[in-house]
Amino acid sequence: MMVSPAPLQRELIAVSPLGEEQPFLFQVALPVAQPTGEWTSRVTLGIIEHGCDDIHGMDSWQAIELAMHHAAVRVRHLQSLGWQFFWPGEEREPALPADLFRGVE
């Protein structure tokens, strides 16, 4: 599979269950057409989870939509493990999965 650039990205501040703070950059790559006719968009979750997930859709629109949803669900899962996420800035506003993709609570 050809690796595409990751122009869709968002940076948050992550606080681990042990209280360690670090920048958290996650990315959703532009969809790439596959020989099968479907499209794939790669999701990476920064330094918290190494590796990436390839999300498949029937067209480029669906691949991006499903990849964005997947990223929000992964953040929700990390929160269930004790991670906390905040928007960058002095206000330290919590970043919620629903802020990343509507409907993911």
PDB file of N, CA and C in Angstrom:
ATOM      1  N   MET A   1       0.848  -1.182   0.000  1.00  0.00           N
ATOM      2  CA  MET A   1       0.000   0.000   0.000  1.00  0.00           C
ATOM      3  C   MET A   1       0.888   1.238   0.000  1.00  0.00           C
ATOM      4  N   MET A   2       0.535   2.193  -0.802  1.00  0.00           N
ATOM      5  CA  MET A   2       1.265   3.452  -0.849  1.00  0.00           C
ATOM      6  C   MET A   2       0.904   4.296   0.380  1.00  0.00           C
ATOM      7  N   VAL A   3       1.915   4.846   1.045  1.00  0.00           N
ATOM      8  CA  VAL A   3       1.678   5.678   2.223  1.00  0.00           C
ATOM      9  C   VAL A   3       1.405   7.101   1.754  1.00  0.00           C
ATOM     10  N   SER A   4       0.302   7.659   2.222  1.00  0.00           N
ATOM     11  CA  SER A   4      -0.060   9.023   1.849  1.00  0.00           C
ATOM     12  C   SER A   4       0.312   9.986   2.970  1.00  0.00           C
ATOM     13  N   PRO A   5       0.392  11.276   2.665  1.00  0.00           N
ATOM     14  CA  PRO A   5       0.681  12.250   3.721  1.00  0.00           C
ATOM     15  C   PRO A   5      -0.469  12.306   4.727  1.00  0.00           C
ATOM     16  N   ALA A   6      -0.190  12.862   5.883  1.00  0.00           N
ATOM     17  CA  ALA A   6      -1.206  12.950   6.930  1.00  0.00           C
ATOM     18  C   ALA A   6      -1.542  14.407   7.199  1.00  0.00           C
ATOM     19  N   PRO A   7      -2.311  15.041   6.328  1.00  0.00           N
ATOM     20  CA  PRO A   7      -2.597  16.454   6.530  1.00  0.00           C
ATOM     21  C   PRO A   7      -3.644  16.717   7.608  1.00  0.00           C
ATOM     22  N   LEU A   8      -4.412  15.697   7.975  1.00  0.00           N
ATOM     23  CA  LEU A   8      -5.429  15.880   9.008  1.00  0.00           C
ATOM     24  C   LEU A   8      -4.804  15.488  10.337  1.00  0.00           C
ATOM     25  N   GLN A   9      -4.569  16.473  11.162  1.00  0.00           N
ATOM     26  CA  GLN A   9      -3.962  16.168  12.447  1.00  0.00           C
ATOM     27  C   GLN A   9      -4.466  17.122  13.507  1.00  0.00           C
ATOM     28  N   ARG A  10      -4.369  16.646  14.717  1.00  0.00           N
ATOM     29  CA  ARG A  10      -4.791  17.452  15.856  1.00  0.00           C
ATOM     30  C   ARG A  10      -3.826  17.167  16.992  1.00  0.00           C
ATOM     31  N   GLU A  11      -3.441  18.227  17.680  1.00  0.00           N
ATOM     32  CA  GLU A  11      -2.551  18.063  18.826  1.00  0.00           C
ATOM     33  C   GLU A  11      -3.304  18.399  20.103  1.00  0.00           C
ATOM     34  N   LEU A  12      -3.175  17.507  21.061  1.00  0.00           N
ATOM     35  CA  LEU A  12      -3.744  17.689  22.385  1.00  0.00           C
ATOM     36  C   LEU A  12      -2.620  17.539  23.401  1.00  0.00           C
ATOM     37  N   ILE A  13      -2.916  17.810  24.642  1.00  0.00           N
ATOM     38  CA  ILE A  13      -2.006  17.507  25.739  1.00  0.00           C
ATOM     39  C   ILE A  13      -2.550  16.249  26.405  1.00  0.00           C
ATOM     40  N   ALA A  14      -1.706  15.240  26.536  1.00  0.00           N
ATOM     41  CA  ALA A  14      -2.111  13.979  27.166  1.00  0.00           C
ATOM     42  C   ALA A  14      -1.477  13.882  28.542  1.00  0.00           C
ATOM     43  N   VAL A  15      -2.260  13.397  29.503  1.00  0.00           N
ATOM     44  CA  VAL A  15      -1.753  13.133  30.843  1.00  0.00           C
ATOM     45  C   VAL A  15      -1.989  11.657  31.114  1.00  0.00           C
ATOM     46  N   SER A  16      -0.904  10.926  31.337  1.00  0.00           N
ATOM     47  CA  SER A  16      -0.987   9.480  31.538  1.00  0.00           C
ATOM     48  C   SER A  16      -1.646   9.156  32.875  1.00  0.00           C
ATOM     49  N   PRO A  17      -2.036   7.902  33.071  1.00  0.00           N
ATOM     50  CA  PRO A  17      -2.593   7.512  34.374  1.00  0.00           C
ATOM     51  C   PRO A  17      -1.607   7.744  35.526  1.00  0.00           C
ATOM     52  N   LEU A  18      -0.304   7.847  35.222  1.00  0.00           N
ATOM     53  CA  LEU A  18       0.709   8.102  36.250  1.00  0.00           C
ATOM     54  C   LEU A  18       0.971   9.591  36.454  1.00  0.00           C
ATOM     55  N   GLY A  19       0.231  10.441  35.700  1.00  0.00           N
ATOM     56  CA  GLY A  19       0.367  11.887  35.853  1.00  0.00           C
ATOM     57  C   GLY A  19       1.418  12.526  34.974  1.00  0.00           C
ATOM     58  N   GLU A  20       2.008  11.755  34.060  1.00  0.00           N
ATOM     59  CA  GLU A  20       3.023  12.298  33.153  1.00  0.00           C
ATOM     60  C   GLU A  20       2.346  13.017  31.998  1.00  0.00           C
ATOM     61  N   GLU A  21       2.777  14.235  31.731  1.00  0.00           N
ATOM     62  CA  GLU A  21       2.184  15.064  30.682  1.00  0.00           C
ATOM     63  C   GLU A  21       3.058  15.047  29.441  1.00  0.00           C
ATOM     64  N   GLN A  22       2.411  14.958  28.276  1.00  0.00           N
ATOM     65  CA  GLN A  22       3.141  14.956  27.010  1.00  0.00           C
ATOM     66  C   GLN A  22       2.242  15.437  25.887  1.00  0.00           C
ATOM     67  N   PRO A  23       2.838  15.986  24.828  1.00  0.00           N
ATOM     68  CA  PRO A  23       2.024  16.349  23.660  1.00  0.00           C
ATOM     69  C   PRO A  23       1.504  15.077  22.998  1.00  0.00           C
ATOM     70  N   PHE A  24       0.305  15.158  22.463  1.00  0.00           N
ATOM     71  CA  PHE A  24      -0.328  14.003  21.817  1.00  0.00           C
ATOM     72  C   PHE A  24      -0.809  14.447  20.445  1.00  0.00           C
ATOM     73  N   LEU A  25      -0.133  13.983  19.413  1.00  0.00           N
ATOM     74  CA  LEU A  25      -0.480  14.328  18.047  1.00  0.00           C
ATOM     75  C   LEU A  25      -1.059  13.100  17.374  1.00  0.00           C
ATOM     76  N   PHE A  26      -2.312  13.194  16.927  1.00  0.00           N
ATOM     77  CA  PHE A  26      -2.834  12.081  16.148  1.00  0.00           C
ATOM     78  C   PHE A  26      -3.150  12.562  14.751  1.00  0.00           C
ATOM     79  N   GLN A  27      -3.056  11.612  13.813  1.00  0.00           N
ATOM     80  CA  GLN A  27      -3.177  11.950  12.405  1.00  0.00           C
ATOM     81  C   GLN A  27      -4.099  10.987  11.680  1.00  0.00           C
ATOM     82  N   VAL A  28      -4.789  11.532  10.685  1.00  0.00           N
ATOM     83  CA  VAL A  28      -5.601  10.745   9.756  1.00  0.00           C
ATOM     84  C   VAL A  28      -5.090  11.088   8.362  1.00  0.00           C
ATOM     85  N   ALA A  29      -4.577  10.071   7.672  1.00  0.00           N
ATOM     86  CA  ALA A  29      -3.999  10.290   6.341  1.00  0.00           C
ATOM     87  C   ALA A  29      -5.089  10.413   5.282  1.00  0.00           C
ATOM     88  N   LEU A  30      -4.736  11.101   4.203  1.00  0.00           N
ATOM     89  CA  LEU A  30      -5.646  11.142   3.058  1.00  0.00           C
ATOM     90  C   LEU A  30      -5.890   9.728   2.555  1.00  0.00           C
ATOM     91  N   PRO A  31      -7.090   9.432   2.099  1.00  0.00           N
ATOM     92  CA  PRO A  31      -7.389   8.077   1.627  1.00  0.00           C
ATOM     93  C   PRO A  31      -6.582   7.722   0.380  1.00  0.00           C
ATOM     94  N   VAL A  32      -6.278   6.441   0.289  1.00  0.00           N
ATOM     95  CA  VAL A  32      -5.549   5.896  -0.852  1.00  0.00           C
ATOM     96  C   VAL A  32      -6.403   4.798  -1.473  1.00  0.00           C
ATOM     97  N   ALA A  33      -6.562   4.844  -2.797  1.00  0.00           N
ATOM     98  CA  ALA A  33      -7.326   3.812  -3.507  1.00  0.00           C
ATOM     99  C   ALA A  33      -6.553   2.501  -3.474  1.00  0.00           C
ATOM    100  N   GLN A  34      -7.267   1.422  -3.219  1.00  0.00           N
ATOM    101  CA  GLN A  34      -6.680   0.093  -3.185  1.00  0.00           C
ATOM    102  C   GLN A  34      -7.030  -0.660  -4.468  1.00  0.00           C
ATOM    103  N   PRO A  35      -6.236  -1.666  -4.837  1.00  0.00           N
ATOM    104  CA  PRO A  35      -6.530  -2.450  -6.043  1.00  0.00           C
ATOM    105  C   PRO A  35      -7.896  -3.148  -5.982  1.00  0.00           C
ATOM    106  N   THR A  36      -8.408  -3.364  -4.777  1.00  0.00           N
ATOM    107  CA  THR A  36      -9.703  -4.029  -4.590  1.00  0.00           C
ATOM    108  C   THR A  36     -10.883  -3.113  -4.896  1.00  0.00           C
ATOM    109  N   GLY A  37     -10.607  -1.799  -5.038  1.00  0.00           N
ATOM    110  CA  GLY A  37     -11.670  -0.827  -5.279  1.00  0.00           C
ATOM    111  C   GLY A  37     -12.058  -0.047  -4.042  1.00  0.00           C
ATOM    112  N   GLU A  38     -11.687  -0.543  -2.868  1.00  0.00           N
ATOM    113  CA  GLU A  38     -11.978   0.214  -1.655  1.00  0.00           C
ATOM    114  C   GLU A  38     -10.875   1.242  -1.428  1.00  0.00           C
ATOM    115  N   TRP A  39     -11.076   2.079  -0.421  1.00  0.00           N
ATOM    116  CA  TRP A  39     -10.123   3.121  -0.077  1.00  0.00           C
ATOM    117  C   TRP A  39      -9.659   2.894   1.355  1.00  0.00           C
ATOM    118  N   THR A  40      -8.423   3.303   1.653  1.00  0.00           N
ATOM    119  CA  THR A  40      -7.856   3.119   2.983  1.00  0.00           C
ATOM    120  C   THR A  40      -7.294   4.438   3.491  1.00  0.00           C
ATOM    121  N   SER A  41      -7.589   4.743   4.750  1.00  0.00           N
ATOM    122  CA  SER A  41      -7.041   5.916   5.422  1.00  0.00           C
ATOM    123  C   SER A  41      -6.334   5.430   6.694  1.00  0.00           C
ATOM    124  N   ARG A  42      -5.105   5.877   6.882  1.00  0.00           N
ATOM    125  CA  ARG A  42      -4.283   5.423   8.009  1.00  0.00           C
ATOM    126  C   ARG A  42      -4.441   6.370   9.197  1.00  0.00           C
ATOM    127  N   VAL A  43      -4.622   5.793  10.390  1.00  0.00           N
ATOM    128  CA  VAL A  43      -4.761   6.546  11.635  1.00  0.00           C
ATOM    129  C   VAL A  43      -3.565   6.238  12.526  1.00  0.00           C
ATOM    130  N   THR A  44      -2.892   7.285  13.003  1.00  0.00           N
ATOM    131  CA  THR A  44      -1.812   7.112  13.975  1.00  0.00           C
ATOM    132  C   THR A  44      -2.133   7.923  15.225  1.00  0.00           C
ATOM    133  N   LEU A  45      -1.777   7.362  16.370  1.00  0.00           N
ATOM    134  CA  LEU A  45      -2.084   7.995  17.653  1.00  0.00           C
ATOM    135  C   LEU A  45      -0.819   8.400  18.395  1.00  0.00           C
ATOM    136  N   GLY A  46       0.062   9.073  17.696  1.00  0.00           N
ATOM    137  CA  GLY A  46       1.242   9.652  18.330  1.00  0.00           C
ATOM    138  C   GLY A  46       2.065   8.657  19.111  1.00  0.00           C
ATOM    139  N   ILE A  47       2.664   9.141  20.187  1.00  0.00           N
ATOM    140  CA  ILE A  47       3.577   8.301  20.952  1.00  0.00           C
ATOM    141  C   ILE A  47       2.873   7.422  21.983  1.00  0.00           C
ATOM    142  N   ILE A  48       1.577   7.601  22.156  1.00  0.00           N
ATOM    143  CA  ILE A  48       0.865   6.770  23.131  1.00  0.00           C
ATOM    144  C   ILE A  48       0.711   5.344  22.604  1.00  0.00           C
ATOM    145  N   GLU A  49       0.335   5.215  21.353  1.00  0.00           N
ATOM    146  CA  GLU A  49       0.186   3.894  20.741  1.00  0.00           C
ATOM    147  C   GLU A  49       1.061   3.857  19.502  1.00  0.00           C
ATOM    148  N   HIS A  50       2.049   2.996  19.527  1.00  0.00           N
ATOM    149  CA  HIS A  50       2.948   2.866  18.383  1.00  0.00           C
ATOM    150  C   HIS A  50       2.247   2.081  17.289  1.00  0.00           C
ATOM    151  N   GLY A  51       2.617   2.360  16.081  1.00  0.00           N
ATOM    152  CA  GLY A  51       1.971   1.705  14.953  1.00  0.00           C
ATOM    153  C   GLY A  51       0.808   2.531  14.449  1.00  0.00           C
ATOM    154  N   CYS A  52       0.023   1.927  13.588  1.00  0.00           N
ATOM    155  CA  CYS A  52      -1.095   2.638  12.992  1.00  0.00           C
ATOM    156  C   CYS A  52      -2.210   1.648  12.662  1.00  0.00           C
ATOM    157  N   ASP A  53      -3.362   2.193  12.360  1.00  0.00           N
ATOM    158  CA  ASP A  53      -4.511   1.396  11.946  1.00  0.00           C
ATOM    159  C   ASP A  53      -4.939   1.860  10.569  1.00  0.00           C
ATOM    160  N   ASP A  54      -5.115   0.923   9.659  1.00  0.00           N
ATOM    161  CA  ASP A  54      -5.633   1.237   8.330  1.00  0.00           C
ATOM    162  C   ASP A  54      -7.137   1.020   8.339  1.00  0.00           C
ATOM    163  N   ILE A  55      -7.881   2.073   8.048  1.00  0.00           N
ATOM    164  CA  ILE A  55      -9.334   2.037   8.076  1.00  0.00           C
ATOM    165  C   ILE A  55      -9.841   2.026   6.631  1.00  0.00           C
ATOM    166  N   HIS A  56     -10.729   1.102   6.343  1.00  0.00           N
ATOM    167  CA  HIS A  56     -11.207   0.886   4.972  1.00  0.00           C
ATOM    168  C   HIS A  56     -12.616   1.437   4.778  1.00  0.00           C
ATOM    169  N   GLY A  57     -12.855   1.988   3.593  1.00  0.00           N
ATOM    170  CA  GLY A  57     -14.176   2.482   3.214  1.00  0.00           C
ATOM    171  C   GLY A  57     -14.456   2.141   1.771  1.00  0.00           C
ATOM    172  N   MET A  58     -15.731   2.248   1.402  1.00  0.00           N
ATOM    173  CA  MET A  58     -16.097   1.921   0.020  1.00  0.00           C
ATOM    174  C   MET A  58     -15.696   3.018  -0.958  1.00  0.00           C
ATOM    175  N   ASP A  59     -15.456   4.230  -0.430  1.00  0.00           N
ATOM    176  CA  ASP A  59     -14.945   5.332  -1.245  1.00  0.00           C
ATOM    177  C   ASP A  59     -14.109   6.230  -0.337  1.00  0.00           C
ATOM    178  N   SER A  60     -13.512   7.261  -0.900  1.00  0.00           N
ATOM    179  CA  SER A  60     -12.616   8.106  -0.114  1.00  0.00           C
ATOM    180  C   SER A  60     -13.355   8.839   1.010  1.00  0.00           C
ATOM    181  N   TRP A  61     -14.575   9.246   0.750  1.00  0.00           N
ATOM    182  CA  TRP A  61     -15.363   9.953   1.765  1.00  0.00           C
ATOM    183  C   TRP A  61     -15.581   9.058   2.990  1.00  0.00           C
ATOM    184  N   GLN A  62     -16.042   7.840   2.733  1.00  0.00           N
ATOM    185  CA  GLN A  62     -16.309   6.926   3.842  1.00  0.00           C
ATOM    186  C   GLN A  62     -15.020   6.560   4.581  1.00  0.00           C
ATOM    187  N   ALA A  63     -13.913   6.398   3.858  1.00  0.00           N
ATOM    188  CA  ALA A  63     -12.652   6.057   4.514  1.00  0.00           C
ATOM    189  C   ALA A  63     -12.236   7.153   5.499  1.00  0.00           C
ATOM    190  N   ILE A  64     -12.351   8.421   5.103  1.00  0.00           N
ATOM    191  CA  ILE A  64     -12.017   9.528   6.008  1.00  0.00           C
ATOM    192  C   ILE A  64     -12.986   9.576   7.184  1.00  0.00           C
ATOM    193  N   GLU A  65     -14.278   9.445   6.906  1.00  0.00           N
ATOM    194  CA  GLU A  65     -15.276   9.493   7.976  1.00  0.00           C
ATOM    195  C   GLU A  65     -15.030   8.392   9.005  1.00  0.00           C
ATOM    196  N   LEU A  66     -14.804   7.173   8.532  1.00  0.00           N
ATOM    197  CA  LEU A  66     -14.563   6.062   9.448  1.00  0.00           C
ATOM    198  C   LEU A  66     -13.241   6.226  10.197  1.00  0.00           C
ATOM    199  N   ALA A  67     -12.233   6.790   9.546  1.00  0.00           N
ATOM    200  CA  ALA A  67     -10.945   7.010  10.204  1.00  0.00           C
ATOM    201  C   ALA A  67     -11.071   8.062  11.312  1.00  0.00           C
ATOM    202  N   MET A  68     -11.812   9.127  11.055  1.00  0.00           N
ATOM    203  CA  MET A  68     -12.020  10.154  12.087  1.00  0.00           C
ATOM    204  C   MET A  68     -12.796   9.563  13.276  1.00  0.00           C
ATOM    205  N   HIS A  69     -13.805   8.770  12.978  1.00  0.00           N
ATOM    206  CA  HIS A  69     -14.572   8.100  14.032  1.00  0.00           C
ATOM    207  C   HIS A  69     -13.654   7.170  14.833  1.00  0.00           C
ATOM    208  N   HIS A  70     -12.823   6.413  14.132  1.00  0.00           N
ATOM    209  CA  HIS A  70     -11.907   5.483  14.790  1.00  0.00           C
ATOM    210  C   HIS A  70     -10.973   6.228  15.748  1.00  0.00           C
ATOM    211  N   ALA A  71     -10.428   7.358  15.314  1.00  0.00           N
ATOM    212  CA  ALA A  71      -9.530   8.141  16.170  1.00  0.00           C
ATOM    213  C   ALA A  71     -10.248   8.577  17.449  1.00  0.00           C
ATOM    214  N   ALA A  72     -11.485   9.034  17.322  1.00  0.00           N
ATOM    215  CA  ALA A  72     -12.252   9.466  18.506  1.00  0.00           C
ATOM    216  C   ALA A  72     -12.547   8.295  19.438  1.00  0.00           C
ATOM    217  N   VAL A  73     -12.857   7.140  18.878  1.00  0.00           N
ATOM    218  CA  VAL A  73     -13.132   5.953  19.695  1.00  0.00           C
ATOM    219  C   VAL A  73     -11.863   5.507  20.422  1.00  0.00           C
ATOM    220  N   ARG A  74     -10.715   5.609  19.767  1.00  0.00           N
ATOM    221  CA  ARG A  74      -9.453   5.241  20.422  1.00  0.00           C
ATOM    222  C   ARG A  74      -9.152   6.202  21.586  1.00  0.00           C
ATOM    223  N   VAL A  75      -9.418   7.489  21.407  1.00  0.00           N
ATOM    224  CA  VAL A  75      -9.231   8.442  22.502  1.00  0.00           C
ATOM    225  C   VAL A  75     -10.164   8.090  23.657  1.00  0.00           C
ATOM    226  N   ARG A  76     -11.417   7.752  23.336  1.00  0.00           N
ATOM    227  CA  ARG A  76     -12.361   7.339  24.385  1.00  0.00           C
ATOM    228  C   ARG A  76     -11.836   6.118  25.138  1.00  0.00           C
ATOM    229  N   HIS A  77     -11.282   5.159  24.411  1.00  0.00           N
ATOM    230  CA  HIS A  77     -10.727   3.959  25.049  1.00  0.00           C
ATOM    231  C   HIS A  77      -9.552   4.317  25.969  1.00  0.00           C
ATOM    232  N   LEU A  78      -8.666   5.178  25.488  1.00  0.00           N
ATOM    233  CA  LEU A  78      -7.541   5.592  26.324  1.00  0.00           C
ATOM    234  C   LEU A  78      -8.024   6.298  27.585  1.00  0.00           C
ATOM    235  N   GLN A  79      -9.085   7.099  27.469  1.00  0.00           N
ATOM    236  CA  GLN A  79      -9.653   7.742  28.653  1.00  0.00           C
ATOM    237  C   GLN A  79     -10.165   6.694  29.647  1.00  0.00           C
ATOM    238  N   SER A  80     -10.745   5.625  29.146  1.00  0.00           N
ATOM    239  CA  SER A  80     -11.247   4.569  30.038  1.00  0.00           C
ATOM    240  C   SER A  80     -10.100   3.874  30.776  1.00  0.00           C
ATOM    241  N   LEU A  81      -8.876   3.981  30.242  1.00  0.00           N
ATOM    242  CA  LEU A  81      -7.693   3.405  30.884  1.00  0.00           C
ATOM    243  C   LEU A  81      -7.007   4.396  31.822  1.00  0.00           C
ATOM    244  N   GLY A  82      -7.589   5.603  31.958  1.00  0.00           N
ATOM    245  CA  GLY A  82      -7.059   6.589  32.892  1.00  0.00           C
ATOM    246  C   GLY A  82      -6.327   7.761  32.265  1.00  0.00           C
ATOM    247  N   TRP A  83      -6.198   7.777  30.948  1.00  0.00           N
ATOM    248  CA  TRP A  83      -5.579   8.918  30.279  1.00  0.00           C
ATOM    249  C   TRP A  83      -6.532  10.108  30.319  1.00  0.00           C
ATOM    250  N   GLN A  84      -5.971  11.310  30.354  1.00  0.00           N
ATOM    251  CA  GLN A  84      -6.744  12.542  30.260  1.00  0.00           C
ATOM    252  C   GLN A  84      -6.190  13.348  29.094  1.00  0.00           C
ATOM    253  N   PHE A  85      -7.089  14.067  28.403  1.00  0.00           N
ATOM    254  CA  PHE A  85      -6.682  14.868  27.254  1.00  0.00           C
ATOM    255  C   PHE A  85      -7.210  16.286  27.416  1.00  0.00           C
ATOM    256  N   PHE A  86      -6.361  17.248  27.043  1.00  0.00           N
ATOM    257  CA  PHE A  86      -6.698  18.655  27.160  1.00  0.00           C
ATOM    258  C   PHE A  86      -6.319  19.370  25.878  1.00  0.00           C
ATOM    259  N   TRP A  87      -7.044  20.450  25.584  1.00  0.00           N
ATOM    260  CA  TRP A  87      -6.679  21.308  24.461  1.00  0.00           C
ATOM    261  C   TRP A  87      -5.444  22.094  24.860  1.00  0.00           C
ATOM    262  N   PRO A  88      -4.523  22.332  23.923  1.00  0.00           N
ATOM    263  CA  PRO A  88      -3.349  23.153  24.242  1.00  0.00           C
ATOM    264  C   PRO A  88      -3.785  24.560  24.674  1.00  0.00           C
ATOM    265  N   GLY A  89      -3.032  25.153  25.544  1.00  0.00           N
ATOM    266  CA  GLY A  89      -3.342  26.492  26.029  1.00  0.00           C
ATOM    267  C   GLY A  89      -3.364  26.532  27.534  1.00  0.00           C
ATOM    268  N   GLU A  90      -3.390  27.719  28.046  1.00  0.00           N
ATOM    269  CA  GLU A  90      -3.325  27.902  29.489  1.00  0.00           C
ATOM    270  C   GLU A  90      -4.618  27.527  30.201  1.00  0.00           C
ATOM    271  N   GLU A  91      -5.739  27.518  29.488  1.00  0.00           N
ATOM    272  CA  GLU A  91      -7.028  27.230  30.131  1.00  0.00           C
ATOM    273  C   GLU A  91      -7.180  25.765  30.536  1.00  0.00           C
ATOM    274  N   ARG A  92      -6.441  24.876  29.865  1.00  0.00           N
ATOM    275  CA  ARG A  92      -6.484  23.429  30.151  1.00  0.00           C
ATOM    276  C   ARG A  92      -7.912  22.876  30.068  1.00  0.00           C
ATOM    277  N   GLU A  93      -8.613  23.234  29.002  1.00  0.00           N
ATOM    278  CA  GLU A  93      -9.961  22.709  28.807  1.00  0.00           C
ATOM    279  C   GLU A  93      -9.882  21.236  28.408  1.00  0.00           C
ATOM    280  N   PRO A  94     -10.709  20.383  29.019  1.00  0.00           N
ATOM    281  CA  PRO A  94     -10.695  18.966  28.647  1.00  0.00           C
ATOM    282  C   PRO A  94     -11.101  18.776  27.184  1.00  0.00           C
ATOM    283  N   ALA A  95     -10.423  17.861  26.523  1.00  0.00           N
ATOM    284  CA  ALA A  95     -10.767  17.475  25.152  1.00  0.00           C
ATOM    285  C   ALA A  95     -11.524  16.154  25.233  1.00  0.00           C
ATOM    286  N   LEU A  96     -12.737  16.158  24.741  1.00  0.00           N
ATOM    287  CA  LEU A  96     -13.593  14.981  24.810  1.00  0.00           C
ATOM    288  C   LEU A  96     -13.674  14.299  23.450  1.00  0.00           C
ATOM    289  N   PRO A  97     -13.915  12.980  23.434  1.00  0.00           N
ATOM    290  CA  PRO A  97     -14.072  12.289  22.153  1.00  0.00           C
ATOM    291  C   PRO A  97     -15.128  12.942  21.255  1.00  0.00           C
ATOM    292  N   ALA A  98     -16.220  13.451  21.850  1.00  0.00           N
ATOM    293  CA  ALA A  98     -17.277  14.104  21.049  1.00  0.00           C
ATOM    294  C   ALA A  98     -16.776  15.385  20.391  1.00  0.00           C
ATOM    295  N   ASP A  99     -15.695  15.980  20.933  1.00  0.00           N
ATOM    296  CA  ASP A  99     -15.100  17.145  20.287  1.00  0.00           C
ATOM    297  C   ASP A  99     -14.378  16.749  19.005  1.00  0.00           C
ATOM    298  N   LEU A 100     -13.986  15.501  18.928  1.00  0.00           N
ATOM    299  CA  LEU A 100     -13.225  14.997  17.787  1.00  0.00           C
ATOM    300  C   LEU A 100     -14.122  14.435  16.705  1.00  0.00           C
ATOM    301  N   PHE A 101     -15.228  13.810  17.118  1.00  0.00           N
ATOM    302  CA  PHE A 101     -16.178  13.253  16.153  1.00  0.00           C
ATOM    303  C   PHE A 101     -17.547  13.227  16.827  1.00  0.00           C
ATOM    304  N   ARG A 102     -18.482  13.940  16.249  1.00  0.00           N
ATOM    305  CA  ARG A 102     -19.821  14.051  16.828  1.00  0.00           C
ATOM    306  C   ARG A 102     -20.446  12.669  16.996  1.00  0.00           C
ATOM    307  N   GLY A 103     -21.024  12.445  18.160  1.00  0.00           N
ATOM    308  CA  GLY A 103     -21.697  11.184  18.428  1.00  0.00           C
ATOM    309  C   GLY A 103     -20.864  10.189  19.238  1.00  0.00           C
ATOM    310  N   VAL A 104     -19.573  10.442  19.365  1.00  0.00           N
ATOM    311  CA  VAL A 104     -18.724   9.569  20.179  1.00  0.00           C
ATOM    312  C   VAL A 104     -18.631  10.191  21.555  1.00  0.00           C
ATOM    313  N   GLU A 105     -19.250   9.562  22.523  1.00  0.00           N
ATOM    314  CA  GLU A 105     -19.267  10.112  23.899  1.00  0.00           C
ATOM    315  C   GLU A 105     -18.201   9.477  24.739  1.00  0.00           C
TER     316      GLU A 105
END
